[in-house]
N, C-alpha and C. Protein backbone atom coordinates (compact mmCIF):
# COMPACT_ATOMS: atom_id res chain seq x y z
N UNK A 1 0.84 -1.19 0.00
CA UNK A 1 0.00 0.00 0.00
C UNK A 1 0.88 1.25 0.00
N UNK A 2 0.61 2.15 -0.91
CA UNK A 2 1.35 3.40 -0.96
C UNK A 2 0.61 4.42 -0.11
N UNK A 3 1.30 4.92 0.89
CA UNK A 3 0.71 5.92 1.79
C UNK A 3 0.99 7.32 1.26
N UNK A 4 0.07 8.22 1.50
CA UNK A 4 0.31 9.62 1.21
C UNK A 4 1.14 10.20 2.35
N UNK A 5 1.81 11.32 2.05
CA UNK A 5 2.69 11.96 3.02
C UNK A 5 2.34 13.43 3.15
N UNK A 6 2.34 13.91 4.39
CA UNK A 6 2.08 15.31 4.68
C UNK A 6 3.25 15.88 5.48
N UNK A 7 3.59 17.12 5.18
CA UNK A 7 4.57 17.88 5.96
C UNK A 7 3.76 18.86 6.81
N UNK A 8 4.07 18.91 8.10
CA UNK A 8 3.36 19.83 9.00
C UNK A 8 4.37 20.71 9.72
N UNK A 9 4.28 22.03 9.51
CA UNK A 9 5.12 22.97 10.24
C UNK A 9 4.43 23.30 11.56
N UNK A 10 5.21 23.65 12.56
CA UNK A 10 4.62 23.92 13.87
C UNK A 10 3.96 22.68 14.44
N UNK A 11 4.53 21.53 14.12
CA UNK A 11 3.88 20.24 14.39
C UNK A 11 3.71 19.93 15.87
N UNK A 12 4.50 20.55 16.73
CA UNK A 12 4.42 20.22 18.15
C UNK A 12 3.44 21.15 18.88
N UNK A 13 3.06 22.25 18.25
CA UNK A 13 2.11 23.17 18.87
C UNK A 13 0.70 22.62 18.87
N UNK A 14 -0.22 23.35 19.43
CA UNK A 14 -1.61 22.90 19.57
C UNK A 14 -2.28 22.57 18.25
N UNK A 15 -2.26 23.50 17.31
CA UNK A 15 -2.89 23.27 16.01
C UNK A 15 -2.12 22.21 15.22
N UNK A 16 -0.80 22.30 15.23
CA UNK A 16 0.04 21.36 14.48
C UNK A 16 -0.10 19.94 14.97
N UNK A 17 -0.08 19.72 16.28
CA UNK A 17 -0.17 18.35 16.80
C UNK A 17 -1.56 17.77 16.57
N UNK A 18 -2.60 18.57 16.68
CA UNK A 18 -3.96 18.08 16.39
C UNK A 18 -4.07 17.70 14.92
N UNK A 19 -3.45 18.50 14.06
CA UNK A 19 -3.45 18.20 12.62
C UNK A 19 -2.69 16.91 12.35
N UNK A 20 -1.54 16.74 12.99
CA UNK A 20 -0.75 15.53 12.80
C UNK A 20 -1.53 14.29 13.23
N UNK A 21 -2.22 14.37 14.34
CA UNK A 21 -3.01 13.23 14.83
C UNK A 21 -4.12 12.88 13.84
N UNK A 22 -4.75 13.87 13.28
CA UNK A 22 -5.83 13.63 12.32
C UNK A 22 -5.28 12.94 11.05
N UNK A 23 -4.17 13.44 10.54
CA UNK A 23 -3.56 12.82 9.36
C UNK A 23 -3.10 11.40 9.67
N UNK A 24 -2.54 11.19 10.86
CA UNK A 24 -2.09 9.85 11.25
C UNK A 24 -3.26 8.87 11.30
N UNK A 25 -4.37 9.32 11.85
CA UNK A 25 -5.58 8.47 11.91
C UNK A 25 -6.06 8.09 10.52
N UNK A 26 -5.75 8.94 9.55
CA UNK A 26 -6.14 8.67 8.16
C UNK A 26 -5.03 7.99 7.36
N UNK A 27 -3.98 7.53 8.05
CA UNK A 27 -2.97 6.71 7.41
C UNK A 27 -1.85 7.42 6.67
N UNK A 28 -1.70 8.71 6.87
CA UNK A 28 -0.64 9.46 6.20
C UNK A 28 0.70 9.27 6.91
N UNK A 29 1.78 9.19 6.14
CA UNK A 29 3.12 9.36 6.69
C UNK A 29 3.26 10.84 6.99
N UNK A 30 4.08 11.17 8.01
CA UNK A 30 4.13 12.56 8.43
C UNK A 30 5.56 13.03 8.64
N UNK A 31 5.86 14.21 8.08
CA UNK A 31 7.10 14.93 8.38
C UNK A 31 6.72 16.01 9.38
N UNK A 32 7.29 15.92 10.57
CA UNK A 32 7.03 16.89 11.63
C UNK A 32 8.13 17.95 11.62
N UNK A 33 7.77 19.18 11.37
CA UNK A 33 8.73 20.27 11.44
C UNK A 33 8.51 20.98 12.76
N UNK A 34 9.58 21.07 13.54
CA UNK A 34 9.52 21.70 14.85
C UNK A 34 10.72 22.62 14.99
N UNK A 35 10.67 23.49 16.01
CA UNK A 35 11.81 24.37 16.23
C UNK A 35 12.36 24.21 17.64
N UNK A 36 11.61 24.53 18.64
CA UNK A 36 12.14 24.54 20.00
C UNK A 36 11.70 23.33 20.83
N UNK A 37 10.45 22.98 20.78
CA UNK A 37 9.92 21.89 21.60
C UNK A 37 10.15 20.55 20.91
N UNK A 38 10.68 19.60 21.66
CA UNK A 38 10.96 18.27 21.11
C UNK A 38 9.68 17.58 20.65
N UNK A 39 9.74 16.85 19.54
CA UNK A 39 8.57 16.14 19.03
C UNK A 39 8.45 14.71 19.58
N UNK A 40 9.32 14.31 20.50
CA UNK A 40 9.39 12.91 20.96
C UNK A 40 8.05 12.39 21.46
N UNK A 41 7.35 13.15 22.28
CA UNK A 41 6.06 12.70 22.82
C UNK A 41 5.04 12.51 21.68
N UNK A 42 4.99 13.45 20.77
CA UNK A 42 4.06 13.36 19.64
C UNK A 42 4.44 12.18 18.73
N UNK A 43 5.73 12.00 18.47
CA UNK A 43 6.18 10.87 17.65
C UNK A 43 5.69 9.55 18.24
N UNK A 44 5.82 9.42 19.54
CA UNK A 44 5.39 8.18 20.23
C UNK A 44 3.90 7.94 20.01
N UNK A 45 3.10 8.98 20.15
CA UNK A 45 1.65 8.86 19.92
C UNK A 45 1.34 8.46 18.48
N UNK A 46 2.02 9.08 17.54
CA UNK A 46 1.73 8.85 16.13
C UNK A 46 2.19 7.48 15.65
N UNK A 47 3.26 6.96 16.23
CA UNK A 47 3.77 5.65 15.82
C UNK A 47 2.76 4.53 16.05
N UNK A 48 1.82 4.75 16.94
CA UNK A 48 0.78 3.76 17.19
C UNK A 48 -0.08 3.50 15.96
N UNK A 49 -0.05 4.41 15.00
CA UNK A 49 -0.84 4.27 13.77
C UNK A 49 -0.09 3.51 12.68
N UNK A 50 1.15 3.10 12.97
CA UNK A 50 1.91 2.32 12.00
C UNK A 50 2.37 3.10 10.78
N UNK A 51 2.59 4.38 10.97
CA UNK A 51 3.00 5.24 9.86
C UNK A 51 4.48 5.59 9.99
N UNK A 52 5.07 6.11 8.92
CA UNK A 52 6.45 6.58 8.94
C UNK A 52 6.44 8.03 9.39
N UNK A 53 7.26 8.32 10.38
CA UNK A 53 7.36 9.68 10.91
C UNK A 53 8.81 10.13 10.79
N UNK A 54 9.00 11.33 10.26
CA UNK A 54 10.32 11.90 10.08
C UNK A 54 10.28 13.31 10.64
N UNK A 55 11.07 13.57 11.67
CA UNK A 55 11.07 14.89 12.30
C UNK A 55 12.30 15.69 11.88
N UNK A 56 12.07 16.97 11.60
CA UNK A 56 13.15 17.86 11.19
C UNK A 56 13.08 19.14 12.02
N UNK A 57 14.19 19.44 12.70
CA UNK A 57 14.28 20.70 13.45
C UNK A 57 14.57 21.80 12.45
N UNK A 58 13.75 22.84 12.47
CA UNK A 58 13.90 23.88 11.46
C UNK A 58 13.31 25.20 11.98
N UNK A 59 14.03 26.27 11.76
CA UNK A 59 13.51 27.61 11.99
C UNK A 59 12.98 28.07 10.64
N UNK A 60 11.66 28.06 10.47
CA UNK A 60 11.10 28.36 9.14
C UNK A 60 11.35 29.79 8.70
N UNK A 61 11.78 30.67 9.62
CA UNK A 61 12.10 32.04 9.21
C UNK A 61 13.50 32.11 8.59
N UNK A 62 14.23 31.00 8.61
CA UNK A 62 15.56 30.91 8.02
C UNK A 62 15.45 30.20 6.68
N UNK A 63 15.58 30.96 5.61
CA UNK A 63 15.39 30.44 4.25
C UNK A 63 16.28 29.23 3.96
N UNK A 64 17.54 29.29 4.36
CA UNK A 64 18.46 28.18 4.10
C UNK A 64 18.02 26.90 4.82
N UNK A 65 17.54 27.03 6.05
CA UNK A 65 17.06 25.86 6.78
C UNK A 65 15.83 25.25 6.12
N UNK A 66 14.98 26.08 5.58
CA UNK A 66 13.79 25.58 4.88
C UNK A 66 14.19 24.81 3.63
N UNK A 67 15.07 25.38 2.83
CA UNK A 67 15.52 24.71 1.60
C UNK A 67 16.14 23.36 1.94
N UNK A 68 17.06 23.35 2.90
CA UNK A 68 17.74 22.11 3.29
C UNK A 68 16.77 21.11 3.90
N UNK A 69 15.92 21.57 4.80
CA UNK A 69 14.98 20.68 5.48
C UNK A 69 13.97 20.04 4.54
N UNK A 70 13.44 20.80 3.61
CA UNK A 70 12.47 20.25 2.66
C UNK A 70 13.14 19.23 1.74
N UNK A 71 14.40 19.49 1.36
CA UNK A 71 15.13 18.52 0.54
C UNK A 71 15.31 17.21 1.30
N UNK A 72 15.62 17.29 2.59
CA UNK A 72 15.77 16.09 3.42
C UNK A 72 14.45 15.31 3.51
N UNK A 73 13.36 16.03 3.67
CA UNK A 73 12.04 15.39 3.79
C UNK A 73 11.68 14.68 2.49
N UNK A 74 11.84 15.36 1.38
CA UNK A 74 11.50 14.77 0.08
C UNK A 74 12.37 13.55 -0.20
N UNK A 75 13.63 13.63 0.17
CA UNK A 75 14.53 12.49 -0.02
C UNK A 75 14.10 11.31 0.86
N UNK A 76 13.70 11.59 2.08
CA UNK A 76 13.29 10.53 3.01
C UNK A 76 12.04 9.80 2.52
N UNK A 77 11.04 10.55 2.07
CA UNK A 77 9.76 9.94 1.71
C UNK A 77 9.62 9.59 0.23
N UNK A 78 10.45 10.10 -0.62
CA UNK A 78 10.34 9.90 -2.06
C UNK A 78 9.17 10.66 -2.67
N UNK A 79 8.08 10.79 -1.95
CA UNK A 79 6.91 11.49 -2.46
C UNK A 79 6.22 12.23 -1.32
N UNK A 80 5.80 13.44 -1.59
CA UNK A 80 5.06 14.25 -0.63
C UNK A 80 3.80 14.72 -1.32
N UNK A 81 2.68 14.70 -0.60
CA UNK A 81 1.39 15.04 -1.18
C UNK A 81 0.77 16.32 -0.66
N UNK A 82 1.19 16.74 0.54
CA UNK A 82 0.51 17.87 1.16
C UNK A 82 1.46 18.60 2.11
N UNK A 83 1.30 19.90 2.19
CA UNK A 83 1.98 20.73 3.18
C UNK A 83 0.92 21.43 4.00
N UNK A 84 1.04 21.35 5.32
CA UNK A 84 0.19 22.12 6.22
C UNK A 84 1.10 23.04 7.02
N UNK A 85 0.94 24.34 6.81
CA UNK A 85 1.71 25.33 7.55
C UNK A 85 0.90 25.78 8.76
N UNK A 86 1.30 25.28 9.93
CA UNK A 86 0.61 25.63 11.17
C UNK A 86 1.54 26.37 12.13
N UNK A 87 2.78 26.60 11.71
CA UNK A 87 3.73 27.30 12.58
C UNK A 87 3.39 28.77 12.65
N UNK A 88 3.55 29.32 13.82
CA UNK A 88 3.31 30.75 13.99
C UNK A 88 3.58 31.17 15.41
N UNK A 89 3.75 32.45 15.61
CA UNK A 89 3.95 32.98 16.95
C UNK A 89 2.91 34.05 17.23
N UNK A 90 2.49 34.08 18.47
CA UNK A 90 1.60 35.14 18.93
C UNK A 90 2.26 35.80 20.13
N UNK A 91 2.96 35.01 20.90
CA UNK A 91 3.69 35.45 22.07
C UNK A 91 2.79 36.15 23.08
N UNK A 92 3.32 37.18 23.68
CA UNK A 92 2.59 37.87 24.74
C UNK A 92 1.40 38.65 24.19
N UNK A 93 0.40 38.75 25.00
CA UNK A 93 -0.80 39.48 24.57
C UNK A 93 -0.58 40.97 24.76
N UNK A 94 -0.34 41.63 23.67
CA UNK A 94 -0.15 43.08 23.68
C UNK A 94 -0.87 43.68 22.49
N UNK A 95 -1.28 44.90 22.64
CA UNK A 95 -1.83 45.63 21.51
C UNK A 95 -0.72 45.91 20.51
N UNK A 96 -1.07 46.05 19.27
CA UNK A 96 -0.09 46.33 18.22
C UNK A 96 0.68 47.62 18.52
N UNK A 97 0.02 48.58 19.16
CA UNK A 97 0.69 49.85 19.46
C UNK A 97 1.77 49.69 20.53
N UNK A 98 1.74 48.56 21.26
CA UNK A 98 2.73 48.31 22.30
C UNK A 98 3.85 47.38 21.84
N UNK A 99 3.81 46.96 20.59
CA UNK A 99 4.82 46.03 20.08
C UNK A 99 6.11 46.77 19.71
N UNK A 100 7.22 46.15 20.06
CA UNK A 100 8.52 46.73 19.68
C UNK A 100 8.84 46.37 18.23
N UNK A 101 9.83 47.05 17.70
CA UNK A 101 10.30 46.77 16.34
C UNK A 101 10.75 45.31 16.25
N UNK A 102 11.42 44.80 17.28
CA UNK A 102 11.90 43.42 17.30
C UNK A 102 10.73 42.43 17.31
N UNK A 103 9.70 42.72 18.11
CA UNK A 103 8.50 41.86 18.15
C UNK A 103 7.88 41.76 16.76
N UNK A 104 7.71 42.90 16.12
CA UNK A 104 7.07 42.95 14.80
C UNK A 104 7.91 42.18 13.78
N UNK A 105 9.22 42.37 13.81
CA UNK A 105 10.09 41.64 12.87
C UNK A 105 9.99 40.14 13.09
N UNK A 106 9.99 39.70 14.34
CA UNK A 106 9.90 38.27 14.65
C UNK A 106 8.58 37.68 14.15
N UNK A 107 7.49 38.38 14.39
CA UNK A 107 6.17 37.91 13.96
C UNK A 107 6.13 37.79 12.43
N UNK A 108 6.61 38.82 11.74
CA UNK A 108 6.61 38.80 10.27
C UNK A 108 7.55 37.73 9.74
N UNK A 109 8.71 37.59 10.35
CA UNK A 109 9.68 36.59 9.89
C UNK A 109 9.12 35.17 9.99
N UNK A 110 8.45 34.86 11.06
CA UNK A 110 7.93 33.50 11.24
C UNK A 110 6.57 33.33 10.55
N UNK A 111 5.62 34.17 10.90
CA UNK A 111 4.25 33.98 10.42
C UNK A 111 4.08 34.25 8.93
N UNK A 112 4.81 35.19 8.39
CA UNK A 112 4.65 35.52 6.98
C UNK A 112 5.79 34.94 6.13
N UNK A 113 7.01 35.39 6.39
CA UNK A 113 8.13 34.92 5.57
C UNK A 113 8.30 33.41 5.68
N UNK A 114 8.21 32.86 6.88
CA UNK A 114 8.37 31.42 7.06
C UNK A 114 7.35 30.63 6.27
N UNK A 115 6.12 31.07 6.31
CA UNK A 115 5.06 30.40 5.54
C UNK A 115 5.34 30.51 4.05
N UNK A 116 5.78 31.66 3.60
CA UNK A 116 6.10 31.85 2.18
C UNK A 116 7.27 30.96 1.77
N UNK A 117 8.33 30.90 2.58
CA UNK A 117 9.48 30.03 2.26
C UNK A 117 9.03 28.58 2.11
N UNK A 118 8.21 28.11 3.04
CA UNK A 118 7.74 26.71 2.99
C UNK A 118 6.85 26.48 1.77
N UNK A 119 5.95 27.41 1.50
CA UNK A 119 5.08 27.30 0.32
C UNK A 119 5.90 27.29 -0.96
N UNK A 120 6.92 28.14 -1.02
CA UNK A 120 7.76 28.21 -2.22
C UNK A 120 8.51 26.90 -2.44
N UNK A 121 9.12 26.36 -1.40
CA UNK A 121 9.91 25.14 -1.56
C UNK A 121 9.05 23.96 -1.99
N UNK A 122 7.91 23.79 -1.37
CA UNK A 122 7.07 22.64 -1.74
C UNK A 122 6.42 22.87 -3.09
N UNK A 123 6.15 24.12 -3.44
CA UNK A 123 5.56 24.41 -4.76
C UNK A 123 6.48 23.99 -5.89
N UNK A 124 7.79 24.21 -5.72
CA UNK A 124 8.75 23.76 -6.73
C UNK A 124 8.61 22.25 -6.96
N UNK A 125 8.48 21.52 -5.87
CA UNK A 125 8.33 20.07 -5.92
C UNK A 125 6.98 19.67 -6.53
N UNK A 126 5.91 20.32 -6.07
CA UNK A 126 4.56 19.99 -6.56
C UNK A 126 4.41 20.29 -8.05
N UNK A 127 5.03 21.35 -8.53
CA UNK A 127 4.96 21.68 -9.96
C UNK A 127 5.58 20.56 -10.78
N UNK A 128 6.73 20.06 -10.34
CA UNK A 128 7.36 18.95 -11.04
C UNK A 128 6.54 17.67 -10.97
N UNK A 129 5.89 17.47 -9.87
CA UNK A 129 5.05 16.28 -9.65
C UNK A 129 3.68 16.42 -10.32
N UNK A 130 3.29 17.67 -10.57
CA UNK A 130 1.99 18.01 -11.15
C UNK A 130 0.82 17.67 -10.23
N UNK A 131 1.10 17.68 -8.93
CA UNK A 131 0.01 17.52 -7.96
C UNK A 131 0.54 17.89 -6.59
N UNK A 132 -0.38 18.17 -5.68
CA UNK A 132 -0.03 18.50 -4.31
C UNK A 132 -1.00 19.53 -3.74
N UNK A 133 -1.08 19.55 -2.42
CA UNK A 133 -1.98 20.47 -1.74
C UNK A 133 -1.23 21.24 -0.67
N UNK A 134 -1.60 22.51 -0.52
CA UNK A 134 -1.03 23.36 0.51
C UNK A 134 -2.17 23.95 1.33
N UNK A 135 -2.03 23.83 2.66
CA UNK A 135 -3.01 24.41 3.58
C UNK A 135 -2.24 25.31 4.53
N UNK A 136 -2.60 26.59 4.57
CA UNK A 136 -2.00 27.54 5.50
C UNK A 136 -3.01 27.87 6.58
N UNK A 137 -2.61 27.67 7.83
CA UNK A 137 -3.52 27.84 8.97
C UNK A 137 -2.99 28.95 9.87
N UNK A 138 -3.90 29.74 10.42
CA UNK A 138 -3.50 30.67 11.47
C UNK A 138 -4.46 30.46 12.65
N UNK A 139 -4.07 30.99 13.76
CA UNK A 139 -4.93 30.85 14.95
C UNK A 139 -5.99 31.95 14.93
N UNK A 140 -6.89 31.89 15.87
CA UNK A 140 -7.93 32.92 15.97
C UNK A 140 -7.33 34.26 16.33
N UNK A 141 -6.08 34.29 16.79
CA UNK A 141 -5.44 35.57 17.10
C UNK A 141 -5.26 36.43 15.86
N UNK A 142 -5.35 35.81 14.67
CA UNK A 142 -5.28 36.57 13.43
C UNK A 142 -6.49 37.47 13.23
N UNK A 143 -7.56 37.21 13.99
CA UNK A 143 -8.78 37.98 13.86
C UNK A 143 -8.82 39.19 14.80
N UNK A 144 -7.90 39.24 15.75
CA UNK A 144 -7.93 40.34 16.71
C UNK A 144 -6.61 41.08 16.72
N UNK A 145 -6.65 42.36 16.86
CA UNK A 145 -5.43 43.17 16.88
C UNK A 145 -5.00 43.42 18.28
């Protein structure tokens, strides 16, 4: 049986881990992209579904890490069918008027540039494959300033 494969950014966070569990229940192999929090606990849960799990530590705001990491994932699985971008930062609850220049740069680097880098890298692959799906997710914090 040929399994489909999904790449999930922010895989250890709330939205990312729930997404990974849903894909695992549906028999997908999963590439877990994480940055700071170890994926070991999530990997253990997902392995119960008998799927292939490949974890890659990556700062998605770093273009070089994205290029290298996606190449590793594609090499590991031979085929990738879907990308789910669930990585993002909200950090402390502050009004936009109280955000520092550094806060704003970090948010844009991860939430916007990181998502674009990941979309770009997988799009190159999907164009050659002539198929693939991309899902970009944000939290409800995107609705409030």
